[in-house]
PDB file of N, CA and C in Angstrom:
ATOM      1  N   MET A   1       3.313 -22.737 -10.339  1.00  0.00           N
ATOM      2  CA  MET A   1       2.566 -22.705  -9.100  1.00  0.00           C
ATOM      3  C   MET A   1       2.313 -21.271  -8.628  1.00  0.00           C
ATOM      4  N   ILE A   2       3.301 -20.409  -8.805  1.00  0.00           N
ATOM      5  CA  ILE A   2       3.150 -19.032  -8.323  1.00  0.00           C
ATOM      6  C   ILE A   2       2.214 -18.225  -9.216  1.00  0.00           C
ATOM      7  N   GLU A   3       2.169 -18.576 -10.500  1.00  0.00           N
ATOM      8  CA  GLU A   3       1.333 -17.815 -11.441  1.00  0.00           C
ATOM      9  C   GLU A   3      -0.150 -17.843 -11.072  1.00  0.00           C
ATOM     10  N   PRO A   4      -0.725 -18.994 -10.735  1.00  0.00           N
ATOM     11  CA  PRO A   4      -2.143 -18.988 -10.334  1.00  0.00           C
ATOM     12  C   PRO A   4      -2.394 -18.154  -9.065  1.00  0.00           C
ATOM     13  N   ILE A   5      -1.458 -18.190  -8.140  1.00  0.00           N
ATOM     14  CA  ILE A   5      -1.597 -17.392  -6.917  1.00  0.00           C
ATOM     15  C   ILE A   5      -1.578 -15.904  -7.261  1.00  0.00           C
ATOM     16  N   LEU A   6      -0.647 -15.509  -8.128  1.00  0.00           N
ATOM     17  CA  LEU A   6      -0.569 -14.103  -8.539  1.00  0.00           C
ATOM     18  C   LEU A   6      -1.821 -13.680  -9.295  1.00  0.00           C
ATOM     19  N   ARG A   7      -2.332 -14.559 -10.146  1.00  0.00           N
ATOM     20  CA  ARG A   7      -3.543 -14.253 -10.910  1.00  0.00           C
ATOM     21  C   ARG A   7      -4.731 -14.049  -9.968  1.00  0.00           C
ATOM     22  N   CYS A   8      -4.853 -14.923  -8.976  1.00  0.00           N
ATOM     23  CA  CYS A   8      -5.945 -14.789  -7.992  1.00  0.00           C
ATOM     24  C   CYS A   8      -5.790 -13.512  -7.168  1.00  0.00           C
ATOM     25  N   ALA A   9      -4.573 -13.222  -6.779  1.00  0.00           N
ATOM     26  CA  ALA A   9      -4.334 -12.004  -6.005  1.00  0.00           C
ATOM     27  C   ALA A   9      -4.685 -10.766  -6.830  1.00  0.00           C
ATOM     28  N   ARG A  10      -4.349 -10.769  -8.083  1.00  0.00           N
ATOM     29  CA  ARG A  10      -4.668  -9.646  -8.969  1.00  0.00           C
ATOM     30  C   ARG A  10      -6.180  -9.481  -9.121  1.00  0.00           C
ATOM     31  N   ARG A  11      -6.879 -10.605  -9.294  1.00  0.00           N
ATOM     32  CA  ARG A  11      -8.340 -10.537  -9.421  1.00  0.00           C
ATOM     33  C   ARG A  11      -8.979 -10.036  -8.133  1.00  0.00           C
ATOM     34  N   LEU A  12      -8.494 -10.521  -6.994  1.00  0.00           N
ATOM     35  CA  LEU A  12      -9.024 -10.070  -5.709  1.00  0.00           C
ATOM     36  C   LEU A  12      -8.772  -8.582  -5.510  1.00  0.00           C
ATOM     37  N   ASP A  13      -7.568  -8.135  -5.856  1.00  0.00           N
ATOM     38  CA  ASP A  13      -7.241  -6.714  -5.738  1.00  0.00           C
ATOM     39  C   ASP A  13      -8.151  -5.876  -6.629  1.00  0.00           C
ATOM     40  N   ALA A  14      -8.354  -6.313  -7.866  1.00  0.00           N
ATOM     41  CA  ALA A  14      -9.224  -5.579  -8.799  1.00  0.00           C
ATOM     42  C   ALA A  14     -10.661  -5.551  -8.277  1.00  0.00           C
ATOM     43  N   TRP A  15     -11.135  -6.671  -7.725  1.00  0.00           N
ATOM     44  CA  TRP A  15     -12.494  -6.732  -7.192  1.00  0.00           C
ATOM     45  C   TRP A  15     -12.639  -5.779  -6.001  1.00  0.00           C
ATOM     46  N   LEU A  16     -11.657  -5.772  -5.107  1.00  0.00           N
ATOM     47  CA  LEU A  16     -11.715  -4.867  -3.951  1.00  0.00           C
ATOM     48  C   LEU A  16     -11.677  -3.404  -4.387  1.00  0.00           C
ATOM     49  N   ARG A  17     -10.830  -3.094  -5.383  1.00  0.00           N
ATOM     50  CA  ARG A  17     -10.779  -1.711  -5.884  1.00  0.00           C
ATOM     51  C   ARG A  17     -12.115  -1.298  -6.474  1.00  0.00           C
ATOM     52  N   LEU A  18     -12.762  -2.217  -7.183  1.00  0.00           N
ATOM     53  CA  LEU A  18     -14.046  -1.927  -7.811  1.00  0.00           C
ATOM     54  C   LEU A  18     -15.146  -1.782  -6.764  1.00  0.00           C
ATOM     55  N   ARG A  19     -15.206  -2.683  -5.814  1.00  0.00           N
ATOM     56  CA  ARG A  19     -16.286  -2.692  -4.823  1.00  0.00           C
ATOM     57  C   ARG A  19     -16.091  -1.674  -3.703  1.00  0.00           C
ATOM     58  N   VAL A  20     -14.864  -1.505  -3.238  1.00  0.00           N
ATOM     59  CA  VAL A  20     -14.609  -0.628  -2.094  1.00  0.00           C
ATOM     60  C   VAL A  20     -14.080   0.729  -2.547  1.00  0.00           C
ATOM     61  N   GLY A  21     -13.276   0.744  -3.604  1.00  0.00           N
ATOM     62  CA  GLY A  21     -12.760   1.997  -4.140  1.00  0.00           C
ATOM     63  C   GLY A  21     -11.646   2.594  -3.309  1.00  0.00           C
ATOM     64  N   PRO A  22     -11.567   3.928  -3.257  1.00  0.00           N
ATOM     65  CA  PRO A  22     -10.487   4.600  -2.543  1.00  0.00           C
ATOM     66  C   PRO A  22     -10.339   4.198  -1.063  1.00  0.00           C
ATOM     67  N   PRO A  23     -11.425   3.891  -0.346  1.00  0.00           N
ATOM     68  CA  PRO A  23     -11.216   3.461   1.046  1.00  0.00           C
ATOM     69  C   PRO A  23     -10.341   2.210   1.162  1.00  0.00           C
ATOM     70  N   TYR A  24     -10.369   1.347   0.150  1.00  0.00           N
ATOM     71  CA  TYR A  24      -9.517   0.152   0.156  1.00  0.00           C
ATOM     72  C   TYR A  24      -8.053   0.554   0.230  1.00  0.00           C
ATOM     73  N   HIS A  25      -7.648   1.486  -0.617  1.00  0.00           N
ATOM     74  CA  HIS A  25      -6.263   1.942  -0.612  1.00  0.00           C
ATOM     75  C   HIS A  25      -5.956   2.751   0.648  1.00  0.00           C
ATOM     76  N   ALA A  26      -6.920   3.510   1.107  1.00  0.00           N
ATOM     77  CA  ALA A  26      -6.713   4.291   2.331  1.00  0.00           C
ATOM     78  C   ALA A  26      -6.495   3.367   3.531  1.00  0.00           C
ATOM     79  N   ILE A  27      -7.280   2.306   3.630  1.00  0.00           N
ATOM     80  CA  ILE A  27      -7.129   1.359   4.735  1.00  0.00           C
ATOM     81  C   ILE A  27      -5.752   0.698   4.679  1.00  0.00           C
ATOM     82  N   LEU A  28      -5.340   0.281   3.499  1.00  0.00           N
ATOM     83  CA  LEU A  28      -4.013  -0.330   3.363  1.00  0.00           C
ATOM     84  C   LEU A  28      -2.909   0.668   3.717  1.00  0.00           C
ATOM     85  N   GLY A  29      -3.054   1.902   3.244  1.00  0.00           N
ATOM     86  CA  GLY A  29      -2.058   2.928   3.535  1.00  0.00           C
ATOM     87  C   GLY A  29      -1.979   3.248   5.022  1.00  0.00           C
ATOM     88  N   ILE A  30      -3.138   3.345   5.665  1.00  0.00           N
ATOM     89  CA  ILE A  30      -3.160   3.619   7.108  1.00  0.00           C
ATOM     90  C   ILE A  30      -2.508   2.463   7.869  1.00  0.00           C
ATOM     91  N   GLY A  31      -2.819   1.244   7.480  1.00  0.00           N
ATOM     92  CA  GLY A  31      -2.202   0.083   8.126  1.00  0.00           C
ATOM     93  C   GLY A  31      -0.693   0.081   7.981  1.00  0.00           C
ATOM     94  N   LEU A  32      -0.220   0.422   6.795  1.00  0.00           N
ATOM     95  CA  LEU A  32       1.228   0.488   6.578  1.00  0.00           C
ATOM     96  C   LEU A  32       1.857   1.610   7.396  1.00  0.00           C
ATOM     97  N   ALA A  33       1.193   2.767   7.457  1.00  0.00           N
ATOM     98  CA  ALA A  33       1.724   3.884   8.248  1.00  0.00           C
ATOM     99  C   ALA A  33       1.806   3.505   9.725  1.00  0.00           C
ATOM    100  N   ILE A  34       0.812   2.791  10.223  1.00  0.00           N
ATOM    101  CA  ILE A  34       0.843   2.338  11.619  1.00  0.00           C
ATOM    102  C   ILE A  34       2.009   1.385  11.842  1.00  0.00           C
ATOM    103  N   GLU A  35       2.212   0.460  10.919  1.00  0.00           N
ATOM    104  CA  GLU A  35       3.333  -0.478  11.043  1.00  0.00           C
ATOM    105  C   GLU A  35       4.677   0.244  10.978  1.00  0.00           C
ATOM    106  N   ILE A  36       4.791   1.252  10.116  1.00  0.00           N
ATOM    107  CA  ILE A  36       6.033   2.023  10.040  1.00  0.00           C
ATOM    108  C   ILE A  36       6.293   2.706  11.378  1.00  0.00           C
ATOM    109  N   GLY A  37       5.266   3.313  11.945  1.00  0.00           N
ATOM    110  CA  GLY A  37       5.422   3.968  13.249  1.00  0.00           C
ATOM    111  C   GLY A  37       5.787   2.983  14.345  1.00  0.00           C
ATOM    112  N   ARG A  38       5.154   1.815  14.342  1.00  0.00           N
ATOM    113  CA  ARG A  38       5.456   0.790  15.351  1.00  0.00           C
ATOM    114  C   ARG A  38       6.894   0.302  15.217  1.00  0.00           C
ATOM    115  N   ASN A  39       7.328   0.079  13.983  1.00  0.00           N
ATOM    116  CA  ASN A  39       8.702  -0.379  13.769  1.00  0.00           C
ATOM    117  C   ASN A  39       9.719   0.701  14.114  1.00  0.00           C
ATOM    118  N   ALA A  40       9.409   1.939  13.805  1.00  0.00           N
ATOM    119  CA  ALA A  40      10.321   3.033  14.155  1.00  0.00           C
ATOM    120  C   ALA A  40      10.449   3.132  15.667  1.00  0.00           C
ATOM    121  N   HIS A  41       9.333   2.996  16.372  1.00  0.00           N
ATOM    122  CA  HIS A  41       9.356   3.036  17.835  1.00  0.00           C
ATOM    123  C   HIS A  41      10.153   1.858  18.388  1.00  0.00           C
ATOM    124  N   GLU A  42       9.956   0.682  17.813  1.00  0.00           N
ATOM    125  CA  GLU A  42      10.684  -0.508  18.240  1.00  0.00           C
ATOM    126  C   GLU A  42      12.177  -0.358  17.971  1.00  0.00           C
ATOM    127  N   LEU A  43      12.520   0.265  16.860  1.00  0.00           N
ATOM    128  CA  LEU A  43      13.924   0.480  16.520  1.00  0.00           C
ATOM    129  C   LEU A  43      14.595   1.372  17.550  1.00  0.00           C
ATOM    130  N   MET A  44      13.872   2.379  18.056  1.00  0.00           N
ATOM    131  CA  MET A  44      14.442   3.268  19.068  1.00  0.00           C
ATOM    132  C   MET A  44      14.623   2.567  20.413  1.00  0.00           C
ATOM    133  N   GLU A  45      13.767   1.578  20.693  1.00  0.00           N
ATOM    134  CA  GLU A  45      13.817   0.913  21.988  1.00  0.00           C
ATOM    135  C   GLU A  45      14.672  -0.347  22.006  1.00  0.00           C
ATOM    136  N   ILE A  46      15.022  -0.848  20.841  1.00  0.00           N
ATOM    137  CA  ILE A  46      15.752  -2.120  20.774  1.00  0.00           C
ATOM    138  C   ILE A  46      17.177  -1.935  21.273  1.00  0.00           C
ATOM    139  N   GLY A  47      17.735  -3.015  21.753  1.00  0.00           N
ATOM    140  CA  GLY A  47      19.140  -2.969  22.163  1.00  0.00           C
ATOM    141  C   GLY A  47      20.033  -2.738  20.959  1.00  0.00           C
ATOM    142  N   ARG A  48      21.271  -2.752  21.182  1.00  0.00           N
ATOM    143  CA  ARG A  48      22.232  -2.484  20.104  1.00  0.00           C
ATOM    144  C   ARG A  48      22.576  -3.731  19.297  1.00  0.00           C
ATOM    145  N   SER A  49      21.686  -4.703  19.293  1.00  0.00           N
ATOM    146  CA  SER A  49      21.906  -5.935  18.546  1.00  0.00           C
ATOM    147  C   SER A  49      21.906  -5.627  17.052  1.00  0.00           C
ATOM    148  N   PRO A  50      23.008  -5.885  16.364  1.00  0.00           N
ATOM    149  CA  PRO A  50      23.046  -5.607  14.920  1.00  0.00           C
ATOM    150  C   PRO A  50      21.972  -6.383  14.145  1.00  0.00           C
ATOM    151  N   ALA A  51      21.699  -7.613  14.552  1.00  0.00           N
ATOM    152  CA  ALA A  51      20.685  -8.404  13.841  1.00  0.00           C
ATOM    153  C   ALA A  51      19.307  -7.781  14.013  1.00  0.00           C
ATOM    154  N   GLY A  52      18.981  -7.332  15.232  1.00  0.00           N
ATOM    155  CA  GLY A  52      17.687  -6.704  15.489  1.00  0.00           C
ATOM    156  C   GLY A  52      17.540  -5.395  14.748  1.00  0.00           C
ATOM    157  N   ILE A  53      18.589  -4.604  14.759  1.00  0.00           N
ATOM    158  CA  ILE A  53      18.555  -3.320  14.048  1.00  0.00           C
ATOM    159  C   ILE A  53      18.401  -3.557  12.545  1.00  0.00           C
ATOM    160  N   PHE A  54      19.123  -4.523  12.010  1.00  0.00           N
ATOM    161  CA  PHE A  54      19.035  -4.823  10.582  1.00  0.00           C
ATOM    162  C   PHE A  54      17.624  -5.282  10.224  1.00  0.00           C
ATOM    163  N   ARG A  55      17.048  -6.162  11.037  1.00  0.00           N
ATOM    164  CA  ARG A  55      15.710  -6.701  10.766  1.00  0.00           C
ATOM    165  C   ARG A  55      14.667  -5.588  10.737  1.00  0.00           C
ATOM    166  N   ILE A  56      14.699  -4.732  11.739  1.00  0.00           N
ATOM    167  CA  ILE A  56      13.699  -3.658  11.816  1.00  0.00           C
ATOM    168  C   ILE A  56      13.926  -2.627  10.719  1.00  0.00           C
ATOM    169  N   THR A  57      15.176  -2.315  10.420  1.00  0.00           N
ATOM    170  CA  THR A  57      15.465  -1.378   9.334  1.00  0.00           C
ATOM    171  C   THR A  57      14.965  -1.931   8.007  1.00  0.00           C
ATOM    172  N   LEU A  58      15.167  -3.221   7.782  1.00  0.00           N
ATOM    173  CA  LEU A  58      14.675  -3.853   6.556  1.00  0.00           C
ATOM    174  C   LEU A  58      13.149  -3.775   6.493  1.00  0.00           C
ATOM    175  N   GLN A  59      12.474  -4.010   7.620  1.00  0.00           N
ATOM    176  CA  GLN A  59      11.010  -3.897   7.657  1.00  0.00           C
ATOM    177  C   GLN A  59      10.573  -2.469   7.359  1.00  0.00           C
ATOM    178  N   LEU A  60      11.262  -1.490   7.911  1.00  0.00           N
ATOM    179  CA  LEU A  60      10.910  -0.091   7.658  1.00  0.00           C
ATOM    180  C   LEU A  60      11.046   0.252   6.185  1.00  0.00           C
ATOM    181  N   VAL A  61      12.104  -0.220   5.564  1.00  0.00           N
ATOM    182  CA  VAL A  61      12.303   0.036   4.131  1.00  0.00           C
ATOM    183  C   VAL A  61      11.189  -0.629   3.322  1.00  0.00           C
ATOM    184  N   LEU A  62      10.869  -1.870   3.657  1.00  0.00           N
ATOM    185  CA  LEU A  62       9.811  -2.586   2.939  1.00  0.00           C
ATOM    186  C   LEU A  62       8.464  -1.900   3.112  1.00  0.00           C
ATOM    187  N   TYR A  63       8.097  -1.575   4.350  1.00  0.00           N
ATOM    188  CA  TYR A  63       6.806  -0.923   4.591  1.00  0.00           C
ATOM    189  C   TYR A  63       6.750   0.457   3.928  1.00  0.00           C
ATOM    190  N   SER A  64       7.859   1.158   3.918  1.00  0.00           N
ATOM    191  CA  SER A  64       7.885   2.474   3.261  1.00  0.00           C
ATOM    192  C   SER A  64       7.660   2.325   1.758  1.00  0.00           C
ATOM    193  N   ALA A  65       8.297   1.329   1.154  1.00  0.00           N
ATOM    194  CA  ALA A  65       8.103   1.088  -0.282  1.00  0.00           C
ATOM    195  C   ALA A  65       6.655   0.697  -0.568  1.00  0.00           C
ATOM    196  N   LEU A  66       6.087  -0.140   0.289  1.00  0.00           N
ATOM    197  CA  LEU A  66       4.687  -0.525   0.102  1.00  0.00           C
ATOM    198  C   LEU A  66       3.749   0.668   0.273  1.00  0.00           C
ATOM    199  N   LEU A  67       4.059   1.543   1.215  1.00  0.00           N
ATOM    200  CA  LEU A  67       3.232   2.731   1.417  1.00  0.00           C
ATOM    201  C   LEU A  67       3.306   3.656   0.207  1.00  0.00           C
ATOM    202  N   VAL A  68       4.493   3.857  -0.335  1.00  0.00           N
ATOM    203  CA  VAL A  68       4.632   4.682  -1.540  1.00  0.00           C
ATOM    204  C   VAL A  68       3.828   4.065  -2.682  1.00  0.00           C
ATOM    205  N   HIS A  69       3.902   2.742  -2.818  1.00  0.00           N
ATOM    206  CA  HIS A  69       3.135   2.060  -3.865  1.00  0.00           C
ATOM    207  C   HIS A  69       1.633   2.271  -3.655  1.00  0.00           C
ATOM    208  N   GLN A  70       1.161   2.106  -2.427  1.00  0.00           N
ATOM    209  CA  GLN A  70      -0.268   2.272  -2.144  1.00  0.00           C
ATOM    210  C   GLN A  70      -0.725   3.700  -2.417  1.00  0.00           C
ATOM    211  N   LEU A  71       0.073   4.668  -2.044  1.00  0.00           N
ATOM    212  CA  LEU A  71      -0.296   6.059  -2.307  1.00  0.00           C
ATOM    213  C   LEU A  71      -0.350   6.332  -3.802  1.00  0.00           C
ATOM    214  N   GLY A  72       0.579   5.732  -4.552  1.00  0.00           N
ATOM    215  CA  GLY A  72       0.552   5.866  -6.009  1.00  0.00           C
ATOM    216  C   GLY A  72      -0.684   5.218  -6.609  1.00  0.00           C
ATOM    217  N   GLU A  73      -1.056   4.054  -6.097  1.00  0.00           N
ATOM    218  CA  GLU A  73      -2.270   3.376  -6.565  1.00  0.00           C
ATOM    219  C   GLU A  73      -3.516   4.197  -6.241  1.00  0.00           C
ATOM    220  N   LEU A  74      -3.559   4.742  -5.054  1.00  0.00           N
ATOM    221  CA  LEU A  74      -4.701   5.567  -4.661  1.00  0.00           C
ATOM    222  C   LEU A  74      -4.803   6.795  -5.558  1.00  0.00           C
ATOM    223  N   TYR A  75      -3.677   7.437  -5.828  1.00  0.00           N
ATOM    224  CA  TYR A  75      -3.677   8.615  -6.696  1.00  0.00           C
ATOM    225  C   TYR A  75      -4.151   8.243  -8.104  1.00  0.00           C
ATOM    226  N   ALA A  76      -3.650   7.128  -8.638  1.00  0.00           N
ATOM    227  CA  ALA A  76      -4.064   6.693  -9.981  1.00  0.00           C
ATOM    228  C   ALA A  76      -5.558   6.399 -10.008  1.00  0.00           C
ATOM    229  N   HIS A  77      -6.066   5.768  -8.961  1.00  0.00           N
ATOM    230  CA  HIS A  77      -7.495   5.461  -8.901  1.00  0.00           C
ATOM    231  C   HIS A  77      -8.329   6.742  -8.857  1.00  0.00           C
ATOM    232  N   LEU A  78      -7.909   7.678  -8.032  1.00  0.00           N
ATOM    233  CA  LEU A  78      -8.645   8.937  -7.924  1.00  0.00           C
ATOM    234  C   LEU A  78      -8.558   9.748  -9.211  1.00  0.00           C
ATOM    235  N   GLU A  79      -7.395   9.718  -9.855  1.00  0.00           N
ATOM    236  CA  GLU A  79      -7.220  10.440 -11.118  1.00  0.00           C
ATOM    237  C   GLU A  79      -8.126   9.854 -12.200  1.00  0.00           C
ATOM    238  N   THR A  80      -8.204   8.543 -12.280  1.00  0.00           N
ATOM    239  CA  THR A  80      -9.077   7.879 -13.246  1.00  0.00           C
ATOM    240  C   THR A  80     -10.536   8.213 -12.967  1.00  0.00           C
ATOM    241  N   ARG A  81     -10.886   8.174 -11.704  1.00  0.00           N
ATOM    242  CA  ARG A  81     -12.262   8.495 -11.308  1.00  0.00           C
ATOM    243  C   ARG A  81     -12.596   9.945 -11.641  1.00  0.00           C
ATOM    244  N   HIS A  82     -11.667  10.841 -11.373  1.00  0.00           N
ATOM    245  CA  HIS A  82     -11.881  12.256 -11.660  1.00  0.00           C
ATOM    246  C   HIS A  82     -12.003  12.487 -13.171  1.00  0.00           C
ATOM    247  N   ALA A  83     -11.149  11.822 -13.950  1.00  0.00           N
ATOM    248  CA  ALA A  83     -11.190  11.991 -15.406  1.00  0.00           C
ATOM    249  C   ALA A  83     -12.503  11.467 -15.986  1.00  0.00           C
ATOM    250  N   SER A  84     -13.002  10.362 -15.462  1.00  0.00           N
ATOM    251  CA  SER A  84     -14.246   9.819 -15.997  1.00  0.00           C
ATOM    252  C   SER A  84     -15.451  10.657 -15.581  1.00  0.00           C
ATOM    253  N   ARG A  85     -15.352  11.325 -14.475  1.00  0.00           N
ATOM    254  CA  ARG A  85     -16.459  12.153 -13.989  1.00  0.00           C
ATOM    255  C   ARG A  85     -16.561  13.465 -14.773  1.00  0.00           C
ATOM    256  N   TYR A  86     -15.432  13.978 -15.236  1.00  0.00           N
ATOM    257  CA  TYR A  86     -15.415  15.289 -15.894  1.00  0.00           C
ATOM    258  C   TYR A  86     -15.040  15.201 -17.366  1.00  0.00           C
ATOM    259  N   ARG A  87     -15.544  14.204 -18.050  1.00  0.00           N
ATOM    260  CA  ARG A  87     -15.297  14.091 -19.499  1.00  0.00           C
ATOM    261  C   ARG A  87     -16.154  15.137 -20.216  1.00  0.00           C
ATOM    262  N   PRO A  88     -15.598  15.739 -21.257  1.00  0.00           N
ATOM    263  CA  PRO A  88     -16.408  16.689 -22.018  1.00  0.00           C
ATOM    264  C   PRO A  88     -17.529  15.955 -22.753  1.00  0.00           C
ATOM    265  N   PRO A  89     -18.655  16.606 -22.953  1.00  0.00           N
ATOM    266  CA  PRO A  89     -19.769  15.965 -23.652  1.00  0.00           C
ATOM    267  C   PRO A  89     -19.403  15.610 -25.081  1.00  0.00           C
ATOM    268  N   LEU A  90     -19.945  14.492 -25.555  1.00  0.00           N
ATOM    269  CA  LEU A  90     -19.689  14.070 -26.924  1.00  0.00           C
ATOM    270  C   LEU A  90     -20.512  14.918 -27.874  1.00  0.00           C
ATOM    271  N   SER A  91     -19.896  15.304 -28.980  1.00  0.00           N
ATOM    272  CA  SER A  91     -20.588  16.143 -29.964  1.00  0.00           C
ATOM    273  C   SER A  91     -21.102  15.333 -31.115  1.00  0.00           C
TER     274      SER A  91
END
């Protein structure tokens, strides 16, 4: 059951990368950065509830990992684009 969902998600991601390009990754990265900032702010304002602190800390770790992944994807996309643009002429 999960395999078809993953396959569709992969196809959608590939289609968005092809049609939108780097702005797709930039939008995702900006959204994640905003969520990280919101969670960090919430963490500072939350009471000393261990459950609340744990929940927000877990979200911060997850969003940070997703942001690192998105930045890596954006870099790979830009690197591929740059390499294809500056290929030496065929002899």
